[in-house]
Amino acid sequence: MRSLLLFSLGCLLVAEEAPSPRLADFVVAAPEVQEAREAHRADGRAAGAADRLPDPMLRLGRTRFRTDHQTWPSSEIALEQALPRWGERDARRVMAEAGVQRSAAALRQALGEVAAEAATLLAEATAAHARLALTKARLARVTALENVVAAQVAAGGRSGAGTLAARSLRATLALEVQDRQREIDDAEQEVRSLLGLAPEAPLPAFAAPDPGQIGQRSTPAQDAAAAGRREAEAGFLEARAGRYPETAVGLRFERENAPDETMTAIGLEVSVSLPVWQGAASDLEDAALARQRAAGAATRMADLRAKALISRAQRAMAVATQAHTAAQEASTRLTAEQDALGRTIGTDNGPSLTEALDLLDRLAEAEDRRIAAHAEAQKAQAQLWRLAPPSLPAPELP
């Protein structure tokens, strides 16, 4: 029975230590992340044109004057440039910067979401591999015990009590092998789909941030809240700009070819709007201040969420450590019992097959608890990617 436990533990070690591509390298190339990267690039390019002036307007005119006796033409050329309200260009610039900041937060969020989901699936696949190895070892042991007792029964050395239970357990374990393999295939297929990998592409190894090392950078949720504050600031600036008039300046040249003389006129024109509806600007300012308060609440919520995820991961890792210790102690004790049972099960007065199967079940349960605790710790750690996403290559860092 010691070989059973060592076999299952060895499978876990192989699954965790075998050289595999880095998870972060696959995450940055995932389709969902690529979409967010392109959106971030688009916002960055668009920000450069956020505060540009409107295009000037060229106006051409041709007029024909007529009296009872004479007719003469008049030509006009005018160039007009509209000017934004005072502070309006600043508001647009800040809003564009906030858009870039928000898309950068969305990119980091996509990186964290994909990494967290992929790591969770990899943890499930790792646990399924360990349980598959454990189930196969149990199946081999049950088959061997059943053959020993069957040989004794055939020789008339003992009764066949327990053989039916052994056959039933063997059939159950055979089905469990298929179920574990299905779990592995499902999890691995989901990982490949999420990361945009080919069906036969190698999978990355499980990886997750260390909860004790999180905190050097802001989280994507905190970045998004900061972008919300920046957008609210831009909204306030835009609302305040609405209190000032719009203006436009123009230069006009006019020539009138009268019969007796030619007249030329050059003029400077200024147009000014009349901002008489101030109530709308006040409402927009109040709305911007409310959005600033909402962004502050989002920041506090992001802080609390980050602390909760870190605490959860630390608790799960502590439980996994305790479960590993308990499984080792149970294995040592139950293996000693199994060794003693193995020396006497072949004798006439030895233990029954039912006793041997019960001991085998207890050994498997102890190891399964360790596998489950290890998987829960990994899945809790996987969620930390949402707080500390993988980094993009240096030229593309948001």
Protein backbone atom coordinates (compact mmCIF):
# COMPACT_ATOMS: atom_id res chain seq x y z
CA MET A 1 0.00 0.00 0.00
CA ARG A 2 2.97 2.31 0.53
CA SER A 3 3.62 2.00 -3.20
CA LEU A 4 0.08 3.25 -3.88
CA LEU A 5 0.61 6.45 -1.91
CA LEU A 6 4.07 7.02 -3.35
CA PHE A 7 2.72 6.45 -6.85
CA SER A 8 -0.03 9.03 -6.42
CA LEU A 9 2.30 11.54 -4.78
CA GLY A 10 4.81 10.99 -7.56
CA CYS A 11 2.17 11.76 -10.16
CA LEU A 12 1.46 15.05 -8.42
CA LEU A 13 5.12 15.95 -8.36
CA VAL A 14 5.49 15.20 -12.06
CA ALA A 15 2.43 17.30 -12.87
CA GLU A 16 3.77 20.25 -10.91
CA GLU A 17 7.48 20.10 -11.71
CA ALA A 18 7.61 18.99 -15.35
CA PRO A 19 9.03 21.80 -17.51
CA SER A 20 6.18 23.56 -19.30
CA PRO A 21 5.74 26.88 -21.04
CA ARG A 22 5.05 29.84 -18.75
CA LEU A 23 1.38 30.65 -18.25
CA ALA A 24 2.00 34.39 -18.61
CA ASP A 25 3.49 33.90 -22.09
CA PHE A 26 0.26 32.29 -23.25
CA VAL A 27 -2.01 34.76 -21.50
CA VAL A 28 -0.59 37.82 -23.28
CA ALA A 29 -1.37 36.17 -26.63
CA ALA A 30 -4.92 35.06 -25.74
CA PRO A 31 -7.70 36.32 -28.08
CA GLU A 32 -9.49 38.22 -25.30
CA VAL A 33 -6.27 39.99 -24.37
CA GLN A 34 -5.51 40.78 -28.01
CA GLU A 35 -8.90 42.46 -28.30
CA ALA A 36 -8.18 44.62 -25.25
CA ARG A 37 -4.72 45.48 -26.56
CA GLU A 38 -6.11 46.74 -29.85
CA ALA A 39 -8.76 48.78 -28.04
CA HIS A 40 -6.02 50.35 -25.90
CA ARG A 41 -3.96 51.17 -28.99
CA ALA A 42 -7.00 52.75 -30.63
CA ASP A 43 -7.69 54.97 -27.61
CA GLY A 44 -4.05 56.01 -27.49
CA ARG A 45 -4.06 57.05 -31.13
CA ALA A 46 -7.39 58.86 -30.83
CA ALA A 47 -6.22 60.83 -27.79
CA GLY A 48 -3.80 62.80 -29.93
CA ALA A 49 -6.67 64.46 -31.79
CA ALA A 50 -8.90 65.09 -28.79
CA ASP A 51 -8.13 68.79 -28.34
CA ARG A 52 -7.72 69.86 -31.95
CA LEU A 53 -9.47 72.98 -33.19
CA PRO A 54 -12.40 72.70 -35.59
CA ASP A 55 -11.53 73.06 -39.26
CA PRO A 56 -11.82 76.62 -40.57
CA MET A 57 -14.77 77.41 -42.84
CA LEU A 58 -14.27 79.04 -46.26
CA ARG A 59 -17.24 80.87 -47.67
CA LEU A 60 -17.52 82.09 -51.26
CA GLY A 61 -20.30 84.38 -52.45
CA ARG A 62 -21.37 85.94 -55.74
CA THR A 63 -24.03 88.64 -55.77
CA ARG A 64 -25.57 90.57 -58.66
CA PHE A 65 -27.04 94.01 -57.97
CA ARG A 66 -29.68 95.45 -60.28
CA THR A 67 -31.42 98.82 -60.52
CA ASP A 68 -33.88 100.08 -63.12
CA HIS A 69 -31.04 101.03 -65.45
CA GLN A 70 -27.91 99.21 -64.38
CA THR A 71 -26.62 95.81 -63.25
CA TRP A 72 -23.26 95.01 -61.64
CA PRO A 73 -21.68 92.03 -59.83
CA SER A 74 -20.22 91.65 -56.35
CA SER A 75 -17.88 88.90 -55.09
CA GLU A 76 -17.16 87.84 -51.51
CA ILE A 77 -14.60 85.56 -49.89
CA ALA A 78 -14.70 84.87 -46.14
CA LEU A 79 -12.65 82.64 -43.86
CA GLU A 80 -14.07 81.76 -40.44
CA GLN A 81 -12.48 79.88 -37.53
CA ALA A 82 -14.69 78.59 -34.71
CA LEU A 83 -13.05 78.69 -31.26
CA PRO A 84 -14.06 76.35 -28.43
CA ARG A 85 -15.30 77.65 -25.14
CA TRP A 86 -12.76 78.57 -22.50
CA GLY A 87 -11.66 75.33 -20.82
CA GLU A 88 -13.37 73.09 -23.38
CA ARG A 89 -10.13 71.86 -24.96
CA ASP A 90 -8.73 71.04 -21.51
CA ALA A 91 -11.86 69.02 -20.77
CA ARG A 92 -11.51 67.09 -24.02
CA ARG A 93 -7.85 66.42 -23.34
CA VAL A 94 -8.56 65.13 -19.85
CA MET A 95 -11.44 62.99 -21.14
CA ALA A 96 -9.17 61.46 -23.80
CA GLU A 97 -6.49 60.73 -21.18
CA ALA A 98 -9.14 59.15 -18.99
CA GLY A 99 -10.23 56.98 -21.94
CA VAL A 100 -6.66 55.78 -22.42
CA GLN A 101 -6.41 55.13 -18.68
CA ARG A 102 -9.67 53.17 -18.71
CA SER A 103 -8.65 51.04 -21.70
CA ALA A 104 -5.31 50.37 -20.00
CA ALA A 105 -7.24 49.20 -16.92
CA ALA A 106 -9.47 47.06 -19.16
CA LEU A 107 -6.35 45.53 -20.72
CA ARG A 108 -4.89 44.67 -17.31
CA GLN A 109 -8.29 43.35 -16.27
CA ALA A 110 -8.42 41.10 -19.36
CA LEU A 111 -4.92 39.83 -18.55
CA GLY A 112 -5.96 39.06 -14.98
CA GLU A 113 -9.28 37.47 -15.94
CA VAL A 114 -7.73 35.17 -18.55
CA ALA A 115 -4.83 34.23 -16.26
CA ALA A 116 -7.16 33.54 -13.33
CA GLU A 117 -9.51 31.40 -15.39
CA ALA A 118 -6.69 29.51 -17.07
CA ALA A 119 -4.91 28.88 -13.77
CA THR A 120 -8.16 27.66 -12.19
CA LEU A 121 -8.70 25.20 -15.04
CA LEU A 122 -5.08 24.04 -14.78
CA ALA A 123 -5.55 23.47 -11.05
CA GLU A 124 -8.64 21.38 -11.78
CA ALA A 125 -6.75 19.41 -14.42
CA THR A 126 -3.85 18.83 -12.01
CA ALA A 127 -6.23 17.55 -9.35
CA ALA A 128 -7.97 15.32 -11.89
CA HIS A 129 -4.62 13.86 -12.96
CA ALA A 130 -3.75 13.13 -9.32
CA ARG A 131 -7.14 11.54 -8.67
CA LEU A 132 -6.83 9.50 -11.87
CA ALA A 133 -3.48 8.13 -10.73
CA LEU A 134 -4.92 7.39 -7.29
CA THR A 135 -7.96 5.64 -8.78
CA LYS A 136 -5.84 3.52 -11.12
CA ALA A 137 -3.64 2.46 -8.22
CA ARG A 138 -6.70 1.58 -6.13
CA LEU A 139 -8.13 -0.41 -9.04
CA ALA A 140 -4.90 -2.37 -9.42
CA ARG A 141 -4.79 -3.09 -5.67
CA VAL A 142 -8.44 -4.18 -5.52
CA THR A 143 -7.92 -6.47 -8.50
CA ALA A 144 -4.86 -8.02 -6.88
CA LEU A 145 -6.70 -8.61 -3.57
CA GLU A 146 -9.66 -10.06 -5.40
CA ASN A 147 -7.41 -12.49 -7.29
CA VAL A 148 -5.72 -13.61 -4.05
CA VAL A 149 -9.04 -14.34 -2.35
CA ALA A 150 -10.47 -15.95 -5.50
CA ALA A 151 -7.51 -18.35 -5.60
CA GLN A 152 -8.04 -19.24 -1.93
CA VAL A 153 -11.75 -19.85 -2.50
CA ALA A 154 -11.00 -22.06 -5.51
CA ALA A 155 -8.61 -24.07 -3.38
CA GLY A 156 -11.25 -24.39 -0.70
CA GLY A 157 -9.15 -22.56 1.81
CA ARG A 158 -11.69 -19.88 2.75
CA SER A 159 -15.16 -18.55 2.00
CA GLY A 160 -15.92 -16.12 -0.78
CA ALA A 161 -17.24 -13.43 1.59
CA GLY A 162 -16.45 -10.00 0.26
CA THR A 163 -15.82 -11.01 -3.35
CA LEU A 164 -19.08 -9.41 -4.46
CA ALA A 165 -18.12 -6.14 -2.77
CA ALA A 166 -14.72 -6.30 -4.45
CA ARG A 167 -16.28 -6.82 -7.90
CA SER A 168 -18.65 -3.94 -7.28
CA LEU A 169 -15.82 -1.67 -6.15
CA ARG A 170 -13.71 -2.67 -9.13
CA ALA A 171 -16.54 -1.76 -11.51
CA THR A 172 -17.04 1.57 -9.73
CA LEU A 173 -13.35 2.37 -9.94
CA ALA A 174 -13.27 1.50 -13.64
CA LEU A 175 -16.06 4.02 -14.24
CA GLU A 176 -14.27 6.55 -12.06
CA VAL A 177 -11.16 6.21 -14.24
CA GLN A 178 -13.23 7.21 -17.26
CA ASP A 179 -14.82 10.09 -15.34
CA ARG A 180 -11.44 11.42 -14.20
CA GLN A 181 -10.14 11.25 -17.75
CA ARG A 182 -13.18 13.19 -18.92
CA GLU A 183 -12.52 15.87 -16.30
CA ILE A 184 -8.93 16.16 -17.52
CA ASP A 185 -9.97 16.41 -21.17
CA ASP A 186 -12.67 19.00 -20.40
CA ALA A 187 -10.38 21.22 -18.35
CA GLU A 188 -7.51 21.03 -20.83
CA GLN A 189 -9.81 21.73 -23.78
CA GLU A 190 -11.20 24.81 -22.00
CA VAL A 191 -7.68 26.05 -21.30
CA ARG A 192 -6.69 25.67 -24.95
CA SER A 193 -9.87 27.41 -26.07
CA LEU A 194 -9.33 30.27 -23.63
CA LEU A 195 -5.70 30.77 -24.65
CA GLY A 196 -6.33 30.26 -28.36
CA LEU A 197 -4.15 27.14 -28.60
CA ALA A 198 -4.27 24.29 -31.09
CA PRO A 199 -5.86 21.02 -29.84
CA GLU A 200 -2.50 19.30 -29.47
CA ALA A 201 -0.49 22.29 -28.23
CA PRO A 202 1.36 21.83 -24.91
CA LEU A 203 -0.26 23.43 -21.92
CA PRO A 204 1.49 25.82 -19.56
CA ALA A 205 2.20 24.81 -16.00
CA PHE A 206 0.07 26.15 -13.18
CA ALA A 207 1.32 29.49 -11.87
CA ALA A 208 -0.13 32.13 -9.56
CA PRO A 209 1.08 35.20 -7.68
CA ASP A 210 2.43 34.90 -4.17
CA PRO A 211 -0.14 36.52 -1.85
CA GLY A 212 2.68 37.99 0.21
CA GLN A 213 4.12 39.81 -2.81
CA ILE A 214 0.94 41.58 -3.96
CA GLY A 215 0.69 45.29 -3.32
CA GLN A 216 3.53 46.83 -5.31
CA ARG A 217 1.17 47.89 -8.11
CA SER A 218 -2.44 48.97 -8.16
CA THR A 219 -5.02 46.39 -9.15
CA PRO A 220 -6.99 46.61 -12.42
CA ALA A 221 -10.12 47.47 -10.45
CA GLN A 222 -8.27 50.32 -8.73
CA ASP A 223 -7.01 51.50 -12.11
CA ALA A 224 -10.56 51.47 -13.47
CA ALA A 225 -11.75 53.50 -10.47
CA ALA A 226 -8.93 56.01 -11.04
CA ALA A 227 -10.02 56.28 -14.67
CA GLY A 228 -13.56 56.92 -13.46
CA ARG A 229 -12.32 59.78 -11.28
CA ARG A 230 -10.45 61.22 -14.25
CA GLU A 231 -13.55 60.98 -16.43
CA ALA A 232 -15.60 62.71 -13.75
CA GLU A 233 -12.99 65.46 -13.60
CA ALA A 234 -13.25 65.89 -17.38
CA GLY A 235 -17.03 65.98 -17.12
CA PHE A 236 -16.84 68.75 -14.53
CA LEU A 237 -14.44 70.76 -16.69
CA GLU A 238 -16.73 70.34 -19.67
CA ALA A 239 -19.77 71.39 -17.65
CA ARG A 240 -17.97 74.46 -16.37
CA ALA A 241 -16.87 75.33 -19.91
CA GLY A 242 -20.54 75.35 -20.85
CA ARG A 243 -20.95 78.53 -18.82
CA TYR A 244 -18.73 80.44 -21.24
CA PRO A 245 -19.70 81.60 -24.74
CA GLU A 246 -18.65 80.00 -27.98
CA THR A 247 -16.80 82.35 -30.33
CA ALA A 248 -15.79 82.43 -33.95
CA VAL A 249 -13.55 84.87 -35.78
CA GLY A 250 -13.55 85.51 -39.49
CA LEU A 251 -11.90 87.55 -42.18
CA ARG A 252 -14.03 88.82 -45.07
CA PHE A 253 -13.01 90.28 -48.43
CA GLU A 254 -15.66 91.78 -50.71
CA ARG A 255 -15.40 93.48 -54.13
CA GLU A 256 -18.31 95.29 -55.79
CA ASN A 257 -17.88 96.25 -59.45
CA ALA A 258 -20.31 99.16 -59.82
CA PRO A 259 -20.63 100.88 -63.25
CA ASP A 260 -18.96 104.11 -62.10
CA GLU A 261 -16.47 102.72 -59.60
CA THR A 262 -15.12 99.55 -57.97
CA MET A 263 -15.51 99.22 -54.24
CA THR A 264 -13.44 96.88 -52.08
CA ALA A 265 -14.17 95.96 -48.46
CA ILE A 266 -12.05 94.02 -45.94
CA GLY A 267 -13.66 93.17 -42.64
CA LEU A 268 -13.02 91.27 -39.43
CA GLU A 269 -15.99 89.40 -37.99
CA VAL A 270 -16.49 88.03 -34.48
CA SER A 271 -19.43 85.82 -33.48
CA VAL A 272 -20.25 85.16 -29.83
CA SER A 273 -22.93 82.86 -28.47
CA LEU A 274 -25.13 83.93 -25.59
CA PRO A 275 -24.94 81.34 -22.77
CA VAL A 276 -28.27 82.18 -21.18
CA TRP A 277 -29.25 78.63 -20.16
CA GLN A 278 -27.01 78.18 -17.09
CA GLY A 279 -29.22 75.61 -15.42
CA ALA A 280 -27.98 72.84 -17.71
CA ALA A 281 -24.35 73.60 -16.79
CA SER A 282 -25.21 73.39 -13.07
CA ASP A 283 -26.89 70.02 -13.57
CA LEU A 284 -23.89 68.69 -15.47
CA GLU A 285 -21.51 69.89 -12.76
CA ASP A 286 -23.59 68.14 -10.09
CA ALA A 287 -23.58 64.96 -12.18
CA ALA A 288 -19.78 65.11 -12.51
CA LEU A 289 -19.37 65.50 -8.74
CA ALA A 290 -21.66 62.51 -8.18
CA ARG A 291 -19.51 60.46 -10.56
CA GLN A 292 -16.43 61.46 -8.59
CA ARG A 293 -18.05 60.17 -5.40
CA ALA A 294 -19.00 56.95 -7.19
CA ALA A 295 -15.40 56.51 -8.33
CA GLY A 296 -14.26 56.96 -4.73
CA ALA A 297 -16.66 54.25 -3.60
CA ALA A 298 -15.39 51.98 -6.39
CA THR A 299 -11.84 52.49 -5.14
CA ARG A 300 -12.79 51.50 -1.60
CA MET A 301 -14.65 48.45 -2.91
CA ALA A 302 -11.61 47.42 -4.98
CA ASP A 303 -9.39 47.71 -1.90
CA LEU A 304 -11.70 45.52 0.16
CA ARG A 305 -12.02 43.00 -2.65
CA ALA A 306 -8.24 42.74 -2.97
CA LYS A 307 -7.81 42.15 0.78
CA ALA A 308 -10.53 39.47 0.73
CA LEU A 309 -8.91 37.57 -2.17
CA ILE A 310 -5.49 37.68 -0.54
CA SER A 311 -6.88 36.47 2.81
CA ARG A 312 -8.81 33.69 1.11
CA ALA A 313 -5.70 32.46 -0.69
CA GLN A 314 -3.63 32.53 2.50
CA ARG A 315 -6.29 30.56 4.39
CA ALA A 316 -6.59 27.99 1.60
CA MET A 317 -2.82 27.54 1.47
CA ALA A 318 -2.71 27.04 5.24
CA VAL A 319 -5.47 24.41 5.03
CA ALA A 320 -3.61 22.66 2.20
CA THR A 321 -0.47 22.49 4.34
CA GLN A 322 -2.45 21.02 7.24
CA ALA A 323 -4.16 18.53 4.92
CA HIS A 324 -0.80 17.45 3.52
CA THR A 325 0.55 16.85 7.03
CA ALA A 326 -2.59 14.95 8.04
CA ALA A 327 -2.43 12.82 4.90
CA GLN A 328 1.18 11.91 5.62
CA GLU A 329 0.36 10.92 9.20
CA ALA A 330 -2.66 8.89 8.09
CA SER A 331 -0.60 7.24 5.38
CA THR A 332 2.11 6.22 7.83
CA ARG A 333 -0.41 4.72 10.25
CA LEU A 334 -2.63 3.04 7.68
CA THR A 335 0.32 1.73 5.68
CA ALA A 336 1.61 -0.02 8.77
CA GLU A 337 -1.83 -1.61 9.22
CA GLN A 338 -1.85 -2.56 5.54
CA ASP A 339 1.57 -4.20 5.83
CA ALA A 340 0.37 -6.28 8.79
CA LEU A 341 -2.83 -7.18 6.98
CA GLY A 342 -0.92 -8.13 3.84
CA ARG A 343 1.15 -10.66 5.78
CA THR A 344 -1.93 -12.49 7.08
CA ILE A 345 -4.63 -12.13 4.39
CA GLY A 346 -3.37 -15.20 2.60
CA THR A 347 -3.69 -17.40 5.71
CA ASP A 348 -6.74 -19.38 6.73
CA ASN A 349 -7.43 -17.22 9.77
CA GLY A 350 -6.35 -13.95 8.14
CA PRO A 351 -8.50 -10.87 7.75
CA SER A 352 -11.38 -10.82 5.33
CA LEU A 353 -11.37 -9.15 1.95
CA THR A 354 -13.89 -6.64 3.30
CA GLU A 355 -11.40 -5.52 5.96
CA ALA A 356 -8.69 -5.11 3.35
CA LEU A 357 -10.98 -3.07 1.10
CA ASP A 358 -12.02 -0.88 4.02
CA LEU A 359 -8.42 -0.12 4.83
CA LEU A 360 -7.73 0.64 1.20
CA ASP A 361 -10.67 3.06 1.15
CA ARG A 362 -9.40 4.90 4.21
CA LEU A 363 -5.98 5.33 2.63
CA ALA A 364 -7.56 6.68 -0.56
CA GLU A 365 -9.81 9.06 1.38
CA ALA A 366 -6.85 10.56 3.22
CA GLU A 367 -4.98 11.13 -0.02
CA ASP A 368 -8.11 12.50 -1.73
CA ARG A 369 -8.55 15.07 1.05
CA ARG A 370 -4.98 16.20 0.46
CA ILE A 371 -5.58 16.47 -3.29
CA ALA A 372 -8.79 18.44 -2.72
CA ALA A 373 -7.13 20.86 -0.29
CA HIS A 374 -4.22 21.34 -2.67
CA ALA A 375 -6.61 22.05 -5.54
CA GLU A 376 -8.62 24.56 -3.49
CA ALA A 377 -5.43 26.35 -2.50
CA GLN A 378 -4.34 26.56 -6.13
CA LYS A 379 -7.75 27.84 -7.24
CA ALA A 380 -7.72 30.47 -4.51
CA GLN A 381 -4.23 31.50 -5.59
CA ALA A 382 -5.39 31.62 -9.21
CA GLN A 383 -7.83 34.40 -8.32
CA LEU A 384 -4.88 36.56 -7.31
CA TRP A 385 -4.13 37.06 -11.00
CA ARG A 386 -7.09 39.48 -10.94
CA LEU A 387 -5.09 41.63 -8.54
CA ALA A 388 -1.65 41.22 -10.13
CA PRO A 389 -2.06 40.39 -13.83
CA PRO A 390 0.85 39.23 -16.00
CA SER A 391 2.85 42.06 -17.53
CA LEU A 392 2.99 42.80 -21.24
CA PRO A 393 6.33 43.18 -23.04
CA ALA A 394 8.00 46.47 -22.11
CA PRO A 395 7.06 48.44 -25.29
CA GLU A 396 3.37 47.67 -24.72
CA LEU A 397 3.08 48.23 -20.98
CA PRO A 398 -0.13 50.22 -20.28
